[in-house]
Amino acid sequence: MKEPEKWKLKDVRAVFSDIDGTLLDSEERLSGENLKAIQEIVNRGILMVFASGRSTGSIRNLFAGLDEHNFNAIAFNGSEVTLRGEVISRTKLDSVTASQIVRTVSEINIHIHAYVDGELVFSKLTPTAERYAIHTGLEPMIVGDLAVYLQENPPIKLVVLSEPGYLPSLREKLAGQFPEVSFTRSGGIYLDVTRSNVDKGRGLIEICEREGIAPENAVAFGDSDNDIEMLKAAGLSVAMSNGSEEVRRIATVTTVSNDENGFSKMMKKLLRNMTP
């Protein structure tokens, strides 16, 4: 693999980037430098794709300045893919399985919520739920018994919130009980629950196929374990220095942290080496 400084921009036709911990700083703010880099990518006719565990609506809220034609997103860790403002694929969890997972997690008094048809759904509005709703910028729906609600309303994703030290053992337990489902760490306190046949990497492949772009002509940025498949699928993978050990291990190169505008600094290297 070429060093990123030697890449010619004509080789790069798409940029896929995680959001939290990558594009946003530790205070969940989008810096002017990163916004400028995004605008430069779009202005040069390169496909810019936001890839996140967030919902499509939450991603839209963050990048409201982009017109629909330039809004591309891999949301819910790949469960919903949007290209040129249109949803091109959506993969939901089985309603019975989702209900069983909610009951299993709720029985041990750990927070879990769902996304159903674009809505953020809680059983009740606890302080934890309220903080999460603020984080997403979405207005939540309160349904009482979430497990019962999901029996008739299959979710696109479930989210478990717990202490970082407890998540690995909880993930192992749930994965053993529900092998048909994917349990992926997303940031320090989140465990994302989706169908086992979706991830950000498959979203990257799907978008590249639709646009006629070879995956080796894509650049991907990420920091968390839910970015790994996307980083593996791209021709050039960039880890943030604040990323997990595994992300930094498998990436082609590591840039500086999300608090130091690592995304924009790496993109400047690529843009600077553009071939006329």
Protein backbone atom coordinates (compact mmCIF):
# COMPACT_ATOMS: atom_id res chain seq x y z
CA MET A 1 0.00 0.00 0.00
CA LYS A 2 1.30 3.44 -0.89
CA GLU A 3 1.98 5.91 1.87
CA PRO A 4 -0.96 8.37 2.03
CA GLU A 5 1.34 11.33 1.31
CA LYS A 6 2.14 9.75 -2.08
CA TRP A 7 -1.44 9.00 -3.04
CA LYS A 8 -2.81 10.89 -6.01
CA LEU A 9 -6.28 12.26 -5.39
CA LYS A 10 -7.47 11.00 -8.76
CA ASP A 11 -7.15 7.53 -7.19
CA VAL A 12 -9.62 8.51 -4.46
CA ARG A 13 -13.24 8.63 -5.55
CA ALA A 14 -15.00 8.25 -2.21
CA VAL A 15 -14.36 9.16 1.43
CA PHE A 16 -16.17 7.22 4.16
CA SER A 17 -15.94 8.59 7.68
CA ASP A 18 -17.21 7.61 11.09
CA ILE A 19 -18.71 10.50 13.07
CA ASP A 20 -18.36 10.24 16.86
CA GLY A 21 -14.72 10.05 17.88
CA THR A 22 -13.64 10.78 14.31
CA LEU A 23 -15.32 13.80 12.69
CA LEU A 24 -16.60 15.16 16.00
CA ASP A 25 -14.34 16.10 18.89
CA SER A 26 -14.71 14.81 22.44
CA GLU A 27 -17.36 17.47 23.10
CA GLU A 28 -19.35 16.21 20.08
CA ARG A 29 -18.58 19.34 18.08
CA LEU A 30 -17.74 19.53 14.37
CA SER A 31 -14.74 21.82 13.97
CA GLY A 32 -14.49 24.44 11.28
CA GLU A 33 -11.44 22.63 9.89
CA ASN A 34 -13.29 19.34 9.49
CA LEU A 35 -16.32 21.07 7.98
CA LYS A 36 -14.06 22.83 5.48
CA ALA A 37 -12.47 19.49 4.55
CA ILE A 38 -15.91 17.96 3.96
CA GLN A 39 -16.92 20.88 1.75
CA GLU A 40 -13.66 20.59 -0.21
CA ILE A 41 -14.26 16.87 -0.79
CA VAL A 42 -17.78 17.54 -2.09
CA ASN A 43 -16.64 20.49 -4.24
CA ARG A 44 -14.05 18.29 -5.94
CA GLY A 45 -16.72 15.79 -6.94
CA ILE A 46 -15.56 13.09 -4.53
CA LEU A 47 -18.32 11.09 -2.85
CA MET A 48 -18.52 11.94 0.88
CA VAL A 49 -20.23 9.29 3.01
CA PHE A 50 -20.95 9.51 6.75
CA ALA A 51 -20.87 6.11 8.48
CA SER A 52 -22.23 5.82 11.99
CA GLY A 53 -24.15 3.86 14.55
CA ARG A 54 -26.42 6.91 14.65
CA SER A 55 -29.77 7.06 12.89
CA THR A 56 -30.10 8.63 9.46
CA GLY A 57 -32.10 11.47 11.04
CA SER A 58 -29.39 12.21 13.57
CA ILE A 59 -26.75 12.27 10.83
CA ARG A 60 -28.92 14.61 8.73
CA ASN A 61 -29.21 16.99 11.69
CA LEU A 62 -25.42 17.14 12.04
CA PHE A 63 -24.81 17.89 8.36
CA ALA A 64 -27.94 19.89 7.52
CA GLY A 65 -25.93 22.20 5.27
CA LEU A 66 -25.47 19.49 2.64
CA ASP A 67 -28.06 19.33 -0.12
CA GLU A 68 -29.90 16.05 -0.66
CA HIS A 69 -27.84 15.09 -3.71
CA ASN A 70 -24.69 15.16 -1.58
CA PHE A 71 -26.15 13.46 1.49
CA ASN A 72 -24.83 9.90 1.74
CA ALA A 73 -24.94 7.84 4.91
CA ILE A 74 -24.34 4.40 6.31
CA ALA A 75 -26.55 4.58 9.40
CA PHE A 76 -27.23 2.15 12.24
CA ASN A 77 -23.84 0.50 11.55
CA GLY A 78 -24.95 -0.47 8.06
CA SER A 79 -28.59 -1.38 8.69
CA GLU A 80 -29.76 1.62 6.65
CA VAL A 81 -27.88 3.01 3.65
CA THR A 82 -28.70 6.33 1.98
CA LEU A 83 -27.25 7.42 -1.36
CA ARG A 84 -27.91 10.81 -2.95
CA GLY A 85 -30.62 11.48 -0.36
CA GLU A 86 -32.52 8.24 -1.04
CA VAL A 87 -32.60 5.14 1.19
CA ILE A 88 -31.28 2.25 -0.92
CA SER A 89 -31.38 -0.51 1.71
CA ARG A 90 -32.83 -1.14 5.16
CA THR A 91 -32.34 -4.30 7.25
CA LYS A 92 -34.42 -4.87 10.39
CA LEU A 93 -34.05 -7.24 13.32
CA ASP A 94 -36.51 -10.08 13.71
CA SER A 95 -39.29 -8.81 16.01
CA VAL A 96 -39.37 -11.91 18.24
CA THR A 97 -35.60 -11.94 18.69
CA ALA A 98 -35.52 -8.20 19.40
CA SER A 99 -38.22 -8.58 22.04
CA GLN A 100 -36.31 -11.43 23.69
CA ILE A 101 -33.10 -9.39 23.79
CA VAL A 102 -34.92 -6.45 25.41
CA ARG A 103 -36.37 -8.73 28.10
CA THR A 104 -32.99 -10.37 28.75
CA VAL A 105 -31.19 -7.04 29.15
CA SER A 106 -33.99 -5.39 31.14
CA GLU A 107 -34.05 -8.26 33.64
CA ILE A 108 -30.51 -7.35 34.73
CA ASN A 109 -31.44 -3.65 35.02
CA ILE A 110 -29.34 -2.40 32.12
CA HIS A 111 -30.61 0.32 29.80
CA ILE A 112 -31.73 -0.71 26.31
CA HIS A 113 -33.68 1.16 23.66
CA ALA A 114 -34.65 0.77 20.01
CA TYR A 115 -34.88 2.51 16.67
CA VAL A 116 -38.11 1.76 14.80
CA ASP A 117 -38.86 3.34 11.41
CA GLY A 118 -36.60 6.28 12.16
CA GLU A 119 -38.01 6.83 15.65
CA LEU A 120 -35.95 6.65 18.85
CA VAL A 121 -38.01 4.45 21.19
CA PHE A 122 -37.69 4.13 24.99
CA SER A 123 -39.74 2.18 27.51
CA LYS A 124 -39.55 5.19 29.84
CA LEU A 125 -37.68 8.48 30.04
CA THR A 126 -34.91 7.92 32.58
CA PRO A 127 -31.94 10.29 33.05
CA THR A 128 -29.84 7.90 30.92
CA ALA A 129 -32.48 7.92 28.18
CA GLU A 130 -32.78 11.69 28.28
CA ARG A 131 -29.01 12.16 27.93
CA TYR A 132 -28.95 9.79 24.96
CA ALA A 133 -31.82 11.63 23.26
CA ILE A 134 -29.94 14.91 23.65
CA HIS A 135 -26.83 13.23 22.18
CA THR A 136 -28.75 12.18 19.06
CA GLY A 137 -30.81 15.34 18.67
CA LEU A 138 -33.95 13.22 18.23
CA GLU A 139 -37.31 13.47 20.00
CA PRO A 140 -37.93 10.09 21.69
CA MET A 141 -41.10 8.01 21.68
CA ILE A 142 -42.12 6.49 25.05
CA VAL A 143 -44.00 3.18 24.75
CA GLY A 144 -44.08 1.64 28.24
CA ASP A 145 -43.23 -2.02 27.66
CA LEU A 146 -40.58 -1.95 24.92
CA ALA A 147 -40.47 -5.74 24.54
CA VAL A 148 -44.21 -5.88 23.83
CA TYR A 149 -44.04 -2.92 21.44
CA LEU A 150 -41.29 -4.56 19.38
CA GLN A 151 -43.35 -7.71 18.83
CA GLU A 152 -45.45 -5.73 16.34
CA ASN A 153 -42.82 -3.17 15.36
CA PRO A 154 -39.49 -4.75 14.32
CA PRO A 155 -36.56 -2.42 15.04
CA ILE A 156 -33.66 -1.59 12.78
CA LYS A 157 -31.31 -1.46 15.77
CA LEU A 158 -31.19 -1.89 19.55
CA VAL A 159 -28.72 -0.02 21.74
CA VAL A 160 -27.47 -1.19 25.14
CA LEU A 161 -25.82 1.34 27.47
CA SER A 162 -23.59 0.08 30.26
CA GLU A 163 -20.29 0.67 32.05
CA PRO A 164 -17.30 0.08 29.72
CA GLY A 165 -15.86 -2.60 31.98
CA TYR A 166 -19.04 -4.66 31.89
CA LEU A 167 -19.75 -4.51 28.16
CA PRO A 168 -17.32 -7.28 27.04
CA SER A 169 -18.86 -9.90 29.33
CA LEU A 170 -22.38 -8.74 28.49
CA ARG A 171 -21.59 -8.93 24.78
CA GLU A 172 -20.23 -12.46 25.18
CA LYS A 173 -23.33 -13.55 27.08
CA LEU A 174 -25.77 -12.07 24.55
CA ALA A 175 -23.82 -13.36 21.54
CA GLY A 176 -24.04 -16.86 22.99
CA GLN A 177 -27.80 -16.61 23.42
CA PHE A 178 -28.55 -14.90 20.10
CA PRO A 179 -26.05 -16.11 17.45
CA GLU A 180 -28.13 -14.72 14.59
CA VAL A 181 -27.54 -11.16 15.82
CA SER A 182 -24.47 -8.91 15.76
CA PHE A 183 -23.37 -7.20 19.00
CA THR A 184 -20.80 -4.48 18.29
CA ARG A 185 -19.02 -2.05 20.61
CA SER A 186 -19.61 1.53 19.52
CA GLY A 187 -17.67 3.99 21.64
CA GLY A 188 -17.01 3.33 25.30
CA ILE A 189 -20.48 2.64 26.69
CA TYR A 190 -22.58 1.48 23.73
CA LEU A 191 -23.35 -2.01 22.47
CA ASP A 192 -25.13 -1.86 19.11
CA VAL A 193 -27.45 -4.73 18.20
CA THR A 194 -28.19 -5.36 14.51
CA ARG A 195 -28.79 -8.23 12.10
CA SER A 196 -25.65 -10.31 11.70
CA ASN A 197 -25.45 -9.68 7.95
CA VAL A 198 -24.93 -5.91 8.18
CA ASP A 199 -21.96 -3.71 9.05
CA LYS A 200 -20.32 -0.50 7.82
CA GLY A 201 -18.05 -2.46 5.49
CA ARG A 202 -20.98 -3.95 3.61
CA GLY A 203 -22.46 -0.47 3.40
CA LEU A 204 -19.25 0.77 1.81
CA ILE A 205 -19.32 -2.05 -0.74
CA GLU A 206 -22.99 -1.42 -1.53
CA ILE A 207 -22.45 2.29 -2.16
CA CYS A 208 -19.32 1.69 -4.23
CA GLU A 209 -21.16 -0.83 -6.40
CA ARG A 210 -24.04 1.59 -6.96
CA GLU A 211 -21.66 4.40 -7.91
CA GLY A 212 -19.31 2.27 -10.00
CA ILE A 213 -16.40 2.92 -7.65
CA ALA A 214 -13.76 0.29 -6.92
CA PRO A 215 -13.39 -0.13 -3.12
CA GLU A 216 -9.63 0.31 -3.50
CA ASN A 217 -10.39 3.88 -4.58
CA ALA A 218 -12.13 4.60 -1.28
CA VAL A 219 -10.63 6.09 1.88
CA ALA A 220 -12.17 5.26 5.28
CA PHE A 221 -11.69 6.94 8.67
CA GLY A 222 -12.65 5.43 12.04
CA ASP A 223 -11.88 4.99 15.71
CA SER A 224 -14.12 2.26 17.15
CA ASP A 225 -14.57 -1.46 16.70
CA ASN A 226 -17.75 -0.90 14.67
CA ASP A 227 -15.53 0.77 12.04
CA ILE A 228 -13.24 -2.23 11.52
CA GLU A 229 -15.10 -3.88 8.62
CA MET A 230 -15.33 -0.54 6.82
CA LEU A 231 -11.62 0.10 7.32
CA LYS A 232 -10.82 -3.37 5.97
CA ALA A 233 -13.00 -2.80 2.89
CA ALA A 234 -11.41 0.50 1.85
CA GLY A 235 -8.27 0.90 -0.22
CA LEU A 236 -6.79 3.31 2.33
CA SER A 237 -7.84 3.01 5.98
CA VAL A 238 -7.12 5.77 8.48
CA ALA A 239 -7.34 5.26 12.24
CA MET A 240 -7.63 8.12 14.70
CA SER A 241 -4.92 8.16 17.36
CA ASN A 242 -7.73 8.08 19.94
CA GLY A 243 -9.04 4.88 18.35
CA SER A 244 -9.14 1.42 19.86
CA GLU A 245 -6.02 -0.74 19.79
CA GLU A 246 -7.55 -3.06 17.19
CA VAL A 247 -8.55 -0.19 14.91
CA ARG A 248 -5.03 1.26 15.00
CA ARG A 249 -3.57 -2.19 14.38
CA ILE A 250 -5.53 -2.95 11.21
CA ALA A 251 -5.50 0.54 9.64
CA THR A 252 -3.09 1.52 6.88
CA VAL A 253 -2.10 4.68 8.73
CA THR A 254 -2.94 6.54 11.94
CA THR A 255 -3.67 10.26 12.01
CA VAL A 256 -3.82 12.56 15.03
CA SER A 257 -6.84 12.50 17.35
CA ASN A 258 -10.37 13.77 16.82
CA ASP A 259 -9.56 16.66 19.16
CA GLU A 260 -6.68 17.67 16.86
CA ASN A 261 -8.66 17.62 13.59
CA GLY A 262 -7.11 14.36 12.46
CA PHE A 263 -9.67 14.00 9.66
CA SER A 264 -8.95 17.37 8.06
CA LYS A 265 -5.18 17.01 8.46
CA MET A 266 -5.14 13.68 6.65
CA MET A 267 -7.47 14.97 3.93
CA LYS A 268 -5.16 17.96 3.39
CA LYS A 269 -2.33 15.51 2.65
CA LEU A 270 -4.49 13.73 0.09
CA LEU A 271 -5.86 16.91 -1.48
CA ARG A 272 -2.42 18.48 -1.66
CA ASN A 273 -1.18 15.58 -3.79
CA MET A 274 -4.02 15.78 -6.27
CA THR A 275 -2.98 15.22 -9.86
CA PRO A 276 -4.30 17.94 -12.20
